Amino acid sequence: MCRPHDELCSMLLCLHSLTRGQISAGSGPHVQAAFLDIVRQADPALAARLHEPNLRRPYTLGLFKDTAAAPCPPRGHLIYGQQAFEIKPGQICWLRITTLDYSVFSSFVPYLMALGTTPQVRIGQLYFAISHLLLTPVAQPEALAGWTARSSFAELATLEPARRRYCFHFASPTAFSRGQKAWGKLLKLFPEPADVFESLGRQWENFAPTELSLSAAGLSPHCIATWCEDNLSISQYHLETCHLSAHKFGLPGFQGTITYEVKGQLDATQACWLTTLARFALFSGAGYKTTMGMGQTRCIDLPAYIALE
């Protein structure tokens, strides 16, 4: 169980399919609806608040493939891809949930644990039984290693020294929105370091306590991004583009890994935030539509002690 001061939690719900069917490539809205239905049963008032328009939503979601029945790509790709995923009765999927506000965690987790019967959840036209919940790395599938953790803004804000390199894994389609244009929404499909760290900085500012914010240190997400443009380079990447064709309008994105190298001074004020924000990526995700499965991200070359026991 997370400690009350742990605003940041990343957990996995083990789902056993009760029916046969497909999960489409663009199933993010169905996954979000399933999560909000659990919250509604636990706390109707909280569910209503999370449905409010223009709300900065304090959670992210992702759906992992059955790692027992089919080999998973290195470090665990999510279900979202360019093709539908066939589900058989009894097959296992993993619903990954991260929370950026302890009130969300404290609402639905005790509700699930207190139920006397096996709860069920619907994703699209498929029904699943929730068999158990993983809050720590203990007993999690090897292919999902590193995706459960708990922490707090205070723990992450210790401002560890900057590192010379940061390797990020984007496990689900990711894109960075640059606003609405006359012809539609402009999405950037390559993870430039400035875009990644600015996105993480914006999420940090949205949810971190005021005294731990970037602004309290005289910085801003844009300031971090500007510094990254001038002082970070890309040393290698293994990325692929993908398209969520099942979405109403279709959504492009990228998946894979990328490594950034810090060329500037490691003791610069902005550099001191890089490790904090890189660790935060596990909980916040990066980019566009993280509440619907996009932007599931983590820094994979940081020490494992982020996954606290």
Protein backbone atom coordinates (compact mmCIF):
# COMPACT_ATOMS: atom_id res chain seq x y z
CA MET A 1 0.00 0.00 0.00
CA CYS A 2 1.30 3.47 -0.82
CA ARG A 3 2.14 5.80 2.02
CA PRO A 4 -0.18 8.83 2.37
CA HIS A 5 2.57 11.21 1.26
CA ASP A 6 3.24 9.22 -1.92
CA GLU A 7 1.33 11.30 -4.45
CA LEU A 8 2.99 9.38 -7.25
CA CYS A 9 2.06 5.74 -7.84
CA SER A 10 2.44 3.44 -10.82
CA MET A 11 0.52 0.18 -10.55
CA LEU A 12 -0.63 -2.76 -12.67
CA LEU A 13 -4.08 -4.37 -12.66
CA CYS A 14 -4.03 -7.99 -13.83
CA LEU A 15 -7.00 -8.56 -16.15
CA HIS A 16 -8.26 -12.02 -17.18
CA SER A 17 -10.40 -11.96 -20.29
CA LEU A 18 -13.89 -13.43 -19.89
CA THR A 19 -14.79 -13.13 -23.57
CA ARG A 20 -13.26 -13.46 -27.02
CA GLY A 21 -12.72 -10.48 -29.28
CA GLN A 22 -10.33 -7.76 -30.31
CA ILE A 23 -8.84 -4.70 -28.70
CA SER A 24 -8.41 -2.13 -31.41
CA ALA A 25 -5.28 -0.10 -32.00
CA GLY A 26 -7.16 3.02 -30.95
CA SER A 27 -8.68 1.58 -27.78
CA GLY A 28 -7.47 4.42 -25.55
CA PRO A 29 -10.94 5.94 -24.99
CA HIS A 30 -12.28 2.49 -23.98
CA VAL A 31 -9.41 2.02 -21.52
CA GLN A 32 -10.09 5.44 -20.04
CA ALA A 33 -13.80 4.67 -19.74
CA ALA A 34 -13.00 1.41 -17.92
CA PHE A 35 -10.78 3.21 -15.42
CA LEU A 36 -13.31 5.96 -14.79
CA ASP A 37 -16.02 3.35 -14.24
CA ILE A 38 -13.95 1.82 -11.43
CA VAL A 39 -13.47 5.28 -9.93
CA ARG A 40 -17.21 6.00 -10.25
CA GLN A 41 -18.09 2.87 -8.28
CA ALA A 42 -15.59 3.83 -5.59
CA ASP A 43 -16.17 7.59 -5.43
CA PRO A 44 -18.90 9.13 -7.65
CA ALA A 45 -17.87 12.67 -6.71
CA LEU A 46 -14.26 12.08 -7.75
CA ALA A 47 -15.39 10.47 -11.01
CA ALA A 48 -17.55 13.51 -11.76
CA ARG A 49 -14.57 15.80 -11.10
CA LEU A 50 -12.33 13.76 -13.39
CA HIS A 51 -14.95 14.10 -16.15
CA GLU A 52 -14.93 17.89 -16.00
CA PRO A 53 -13.79 19.57 -19.23
CA ASN A 54 -10.43 21.34 -19.42
CA LEU A 55 -9.24 19.58 -16.26
CA ARG A 56 -5.58 18.66 -15.85
CA ARG A 57 -6.20 14.99 -15.20
CA PRO A 58 -3.99 13.49 -12.47
CA TYR A 59 -3.51 10.03 -14.00
CA THR A 60 -2.18 8.19 -17.02
CA LEU A 61 -3.25 4.83 -18.46
CA GLY A 62 -1.76 2.08 -20.59
CA LEU A 63 -2.71 -1.47 -21.56
CA PHE A 64 0.05 -4.09 -21.81
CA LYS A 65 -0.11 -7.23 -23.91
CA ASP A 66 -0.34 -10.73 -22.45
CA THR A 67 3.34 -11.37 -21.73
CA ALA A 68 2.81 -15.06 -20.94
CA ALA A 69 1.05 -16.11 -24.14
CA ALA A 70 3.15 -14.09 -26.56
CA PRO A 71 6.68 -12.75 -26.42
CA CYS A 72 6.85 -9.06 -25.62
CA PRO A 73 9.30 -6.71 -27.34
CA PRO A 74 12.24 -5.62 -25.22
CA ARG A 75 11.20 -3.69 -22.12
CA GLY A 76 7.50 -4.25 -22.77
CA HIS A 77 5.58 -2.52 -25.55
CA LEU A 78 1.94 -1.74 -24.95
CA ILE A 79 -1.07 -3.03 -26.85
CA TYR A 80 -1.42 0.16 -28.81
CA GLY A 81 -0.07 -0.32 -32.30
CA GLN A 82 -1.20 -0.28 -35.88
CA GLN A 83 -3.31 -3.45 -35.73
CA ALA A 84 -6.03 -4.85 -33.51
CA PHE A 85 -4.96 -7.33 -30.83
CA GLU A 86 -6.81 -10.65 -30.59
CA ILE A 87 -8.00 -11.61 -27.09
CA LYS A 88 -9.04 -15.13 -26.09
CA PRO A 89 -10.99 -16.19 -22.98
CA GLY A 90 -8.61 -16.53 -20.04
CA GLN A 91 -5.92 -14.42 -21.66
CA ILE A 92 -4.13 -11.89 -19.44
CA CYS A 93 -3.71 -8.18 -20.04
CA TRP A 94 -2.24 -5.60 -17.67
CA LEU A 95 -3.87 -2.24 -17.14
CA ARG A 96 -1.21 0.22 -16.04
CA ILE A 97 -2.42 3.18 -13.99
CA THR A 98 -0.33 6.04 -12.69
CA THR A 99 -1.60 8.67 -10.29
CA LEU A 100 -0.26 12.18 -9.75
CA ASP A 101 -2.60 12.96 -6.85
CA TYR A 102 -3.00 10.73 -3.80
CA SER A 103 -6.77 11.30 -3.69
CA VAL A 104 -7.16 9.29 -6.89
CA PHE A 105 -5.17 6.34 -5.57
CA SER A 106 -6.81 6.42 -2.14
CA SER A 107 -10.26 6.26 -3.71
CA PHE A 108 -10.27 3.25 -6.01
CA VAL A 109 -7.51 1.00 -4.62
CA PRO A 110 -9.14 0.45 -1.19
CA TYR A 111 -12.43 -0.09 -3.02
CA LEU A 112 -10.95 -2.89 -5.13
CA MET A 113 -9.24 -4.52 -2.16
CA ALA A 114 -12.39 -4.44 -0.04
CA LEU A 115 -14.62 -6.19 -2.58
CA GLY A 116 -15.68 -9.67 -1.52
CA THR A 117 -16.14 -10.84 -5.10
CA THR A 118 -13.91 -10.63 -8.16
CA PRO A 119 -14.56 -7.25 -9.77
CA GLN A 120 -15.07 -6.98 -13.50
CA VAL A 121 -14.26 -4.26 -15.99
CA ARG A 122 -15.33 -3.68 -19.58
CA ILE A 123 -12.94 -2.45 -22.28
CA GLY A 124 -14.87 -1.83 -25.48
CA GLN A 125 -16.92 -4.98 -26.07
CA LEU A 126 -14.69 -7.23 -23.94
CA TYR A 127 -15.16 -8.11 -20.28
CA PHE A 128 -12.30 -8.82 -17.90
CA ALA A 129 -12.03 -10.06 -14.33
CA ILE A 130 -9.58 -8.12 -12.15
CA SER A 131 -7.56 -10.84 -10.45
CA HIS A 132 -4.99 -8.80 -8.54
CA LEU A 133 -3.22 -5.48 -8.20
CA LEU A 134 0.56 -4.95 -8.25
CA LEU A 135 1.89 -1.92 -6.41
CA THR A 136 5.55 -2.96 -6.13
CA PRO A 137 7.99 -4.79 -8.43
CA VAL A 138 7.51 -8.03 -6.47
CA ALA A 139 6.06 -10.83 -8.66
CA GLN A 140 5.54 -8.64 -11.72
CA PRO A 141 6.23 -10.23 -15.13
CA GLU A 142 9.83 -9.85 -16.28
CA ALA A 143 8.78 -8.05 -19.46
CA LEU A 144 7.01 -5.43 -17.34
CA ALA A 145 9.93 -4.86 -14.99
CA GLY A 146 10.31 -1.23 -14.07
CA TRP A 147 6.70 -0.20 -14.69
CA THR A 148 5.51 -0.28 -11.06
CA ALA A 149 6.79 2.22 -8.53
CA ARG A 150 5.79 4.73 -5.91
CA SER A 151 7.33 8.00 -4.86
CA SER A 152 6.50 11.60 -4.01
CA PHE A 153 7.27 15.01 -5.40
CA ALA A 154 9.45 15.63 -2.36
CA GLU A 155 11.52 12.50 -3.05
CA LEU A 156 11.94 13.29 -6.73
CA ALA A 157 12.77 16.94 -6.02
CA THR A 158 15.99 16.09 -4.20
CA LEU A 159 17.77 17.56 -7.24
CA GLU A 160 20.26 14.78 -7.81
CA PRO A 161 23.26 15.71 -9.94
CA ALA A 162 22.64 15.77 -13.65
CA ARG A 163 23.92 12.79 -15.63
CA ARG A 164 25.76 12.83 -18.93
CA ARG A 165 23.18 10.61 -20.61
CA TYR A 166 19.48 9.83 -20.36
CA CYS A 167 17.87 6.97 -22.28
CA PHE A 168 14.08 7.11 -22.60
CA HIS A 169 11.72 4.32 -23.64
CA PHE A 170 8.46 5.38 -25.27
CA ALA A 171 6.35 2.23 -24.89
CA SER A 172 3.18 3.52 -26.55
CA PRO A 173 2.62 5.91 -29.45
CA THR A 174 3.79 9.38 -28.42
CA ALA A 175 3.36 12.80 -30.02
CA PHE A 176 3.81 16.39 -28.91
CA SER A 177 0.98 18.80 -29.67
CA ARG A 178 1.95 22.22 -30.98
CA GLY A 179 -1.54 23.64 -31.11
CA GLN A 180 -4.41 23.93 -33.53
CA LYS A 181 -3.69 25.30 -36.99
CA ALA A 182 -6.08 26.31 -39.76
CA TRP A 183 -5.67 22.84 -41.26
CA GLY A 184 -5.82 20.89 -37.97
CA LYS A 185 -3.65 20.00 -34.97
CA LEU A 186 0.12 20.15 -35.40
CA LEU A 187 1.79 17.08 -33.86
CA LYS A 188 5.56 16.59 -33.59
CA LEU A 189 6.58 12.98 -34.18
CA PHE A 190 10.18 13.01 -33.02
CA PRO A 191 11.29 13.29 -29.37
CA GLU A 192 13.64 16.26 -29.45
CA PRO A 193 15.12 16.71 -25.95
CA ALA A 194 13.53 20.14 -25.59
CA ASP A 195 10.05 18.72 -26.32
CA VAL A 196 10.45 15.82 -23.90
CA PHE A 197 11.76 17.82 -20.96
CA GLU A 198 9.32 20.69 -21.56
CA SER A 199 6.43 18.20 -21.50
CA LEU A 200 7.70 16.69 -18.25
CA GLY A 201 8.20 20.16 -16.81
CA ARG A 202 4.62 21.16 -17.63
CA GLN A 203 3.24 18.11 -15.88
CA TRP A 204 5.48 18.79 -12.88
CA GLU A 205 4.18 22.37 -12.67
CA ASN A 206 0.58 21.16 -12.97
CA PHE A 207 0.72 18.82 -9.99
CA ALA A 208 3.75 19.47 -7.77
CA PRO A 209 3.30 21.42 -4.51
CA THR A 210 4.00 25.11 -4.99
CA GLU A 211 7.14 25.03 -2.86
CA LEU A 212 8.60 22.25 -5.06
CA SER A 213 7.66 23.78 -8.41
CA LEU A 214 10.00 25.01 -11.11
CA SER A 215 8.65 28.51 -10.62
CA ALA A 216 9.73 28.42 -6.97
CA ALA A 217 13.26 27.90 -8.29
CA GLY A 218 12.90 30.79 -10.73
CA LEU A 219 12.46 28.47 -13.73
CA SER A 220 9.71 27.42 -16.13
CA PRO A 221 9.13 24.49 -18.51
CA HIS A 222 10.00 26.78 -21.41
CA CYS A 223 13.24 27.77 -19.69
CA ILE A 224 14.16 24.08 -19.30
CA ALA A 225 13.32 23.47 -22.97
CA THR A 226 15.46 26.38 -24.16
CA TRP A 227 18.43 25.11 -22.17
CA CYS A 228 17.94 21.60 -23.56
CA GLU A 229 17.94 22.94 -27.13
CA ASP A 230 21.38 24.41 -26.59
CA ASN A 231 22.94 21.78 -24.36
CA LEU A 232 21.52 18.30 -25.15
CA SER A 233 22.23 16.19 -28.20
CA ILE A 234 20.87 12.88 -29.47
CA SER A 235 23.47 10.10 -29.51
CA GLN A 236 21.31 7.22 -30.75
CA TYR A 237 17.71 6.20 -31.26
CA HIS A 238 15.62 3.21 -32.29
CA LEU A 239 12.20 4.61 -33.14
CA GLU A 240 9.32 3.74 -35.42
CA THR A 241 6.30 5.72 -36.46
CA CYS A 242 2.83 4.29 -36.00
CA HIS A 243 -0.74 5.34 -36.66
CA LEU A 244 -3.75 4.68 -34.44
CA SER A 245 -6.10 4.15 -37.35
CA ALA A 246 -9.04 3.04 -35.20
CA HIS A 247 -9.29 6.51 -33.64
CA LYS A 248 -12.08 8.70 -35.02
CA PHE A 249 -9.63 10.93 -36.86
CA GLY A 250 -6.49 8.80 -36.73
CA LEU A 251 -3.51 9.68 -34.55
CA PRO A 252 0.15 9.41 -35.56
CA GLY A 253 2.90 8.77 -33.04
CA PHE A 254 6.32 7.23 -32.46
CA GLN A 255 7.57 4.38 -30.24
CA GLY A 256 10.98 3.12 -29.22
CA THR A 257 14.08 4.34 -27.40
CA ILE A 258 16.29 7.41 -27.62
CA THR A 259 19.42 8.51 -25.77
CA TYR A 260 20.28 12.11 -24.96
CA GLU A 261 23.73 13.35 -24.01
CA VAL A 262 24.22 16.47 -21.91
CA LYS A 263 26.94 18.61 -23.51
CA GLY A 264 26.47 21.67 -21.30
CA GLN A 265 27.58 22.30 -17.74
CA LEU A 266 26.16 19.69 -15.36
CA ASP A 267 26.01 22.21 -12.53
CA ALA A 268 23.79 24.64 -14.45
CA THR A 269 20.53 25.46 -12.67
CA GLN A 270 18.47 23.90 -15.46
CA ALA A 271 20.65 20.78 -15.58
CA CYS A 272 20.00 20.14 -11.90
CA TRP A 273 16.36 19.40 -12.78
CA LEU A 274 17.03 16.87 -15.54
CA THR A 275 17.27 13.78 -13.32
CA THR A 276 14.21 14.82 -11.31
CA LEU A 277 12.14 15.23 -14.47
CA ALA A 278 13.54 12.04 -16.03
CA ARG A 279 12.41 10.03 -13.00
CA PHE A 280 9.04 11.80 -13.06
CA ALA A 281 8.42 10.51 -16.61
CA LEU A 282 7.46 7.10 -15.21
CA PHE A 283 4.45 8.67 -13.52
CA SER A 284 3.55 11.58 -15.79
CA GLY A 285 4.07 10.16 -19.25
CA ALA A 286 5.10 12.52 -22.04
CA GLY A 287 3.26 14.37 -24.74
CA TYR A 288 -0.32 14.13 -25.95
CA LYS A 289 -3.30 12.10 -24.65
CA THR A 290 -1.53 10.27 -21.82
CA THR A 291 -4.90 9.56 -20.19
CA MET A 292 -5.82 7.45 -23.23
CA GLY A 293 -2.69 5.33 -23.42
CA MET A 294 -0.36 7.51 -25.44
CA GLY A 295 3.01 8.71 -24.15
CA GLN A 296 3.76 5.86 -21.72
CA THR A 297 7.37 6.72 -20.99
CA ARG A 298 10.23 6.05 -18.61
CA CYS A 299 13.94 6.73 -18.34
CA ILE A 300 15.50 3.27 -18.44
CA ASP A 301 19.09 3.98 -17.44
CA LEU A 302 18.41 5.50 -14.03
CA PRO A 303 19.10 3.36 -10.94
CA ALA A 304 16.28 0.99 -10.02
CA TYR A 305 15.74 2.49 -6.57
CA ILE A 306 12.93 4.57 -7.99
CA ALA A 307 10.89 1.37 -7.54
CA LEU A 308 10.64 1.65 -3.78
CA GLU A 309 9.65 -1.25 -1.57
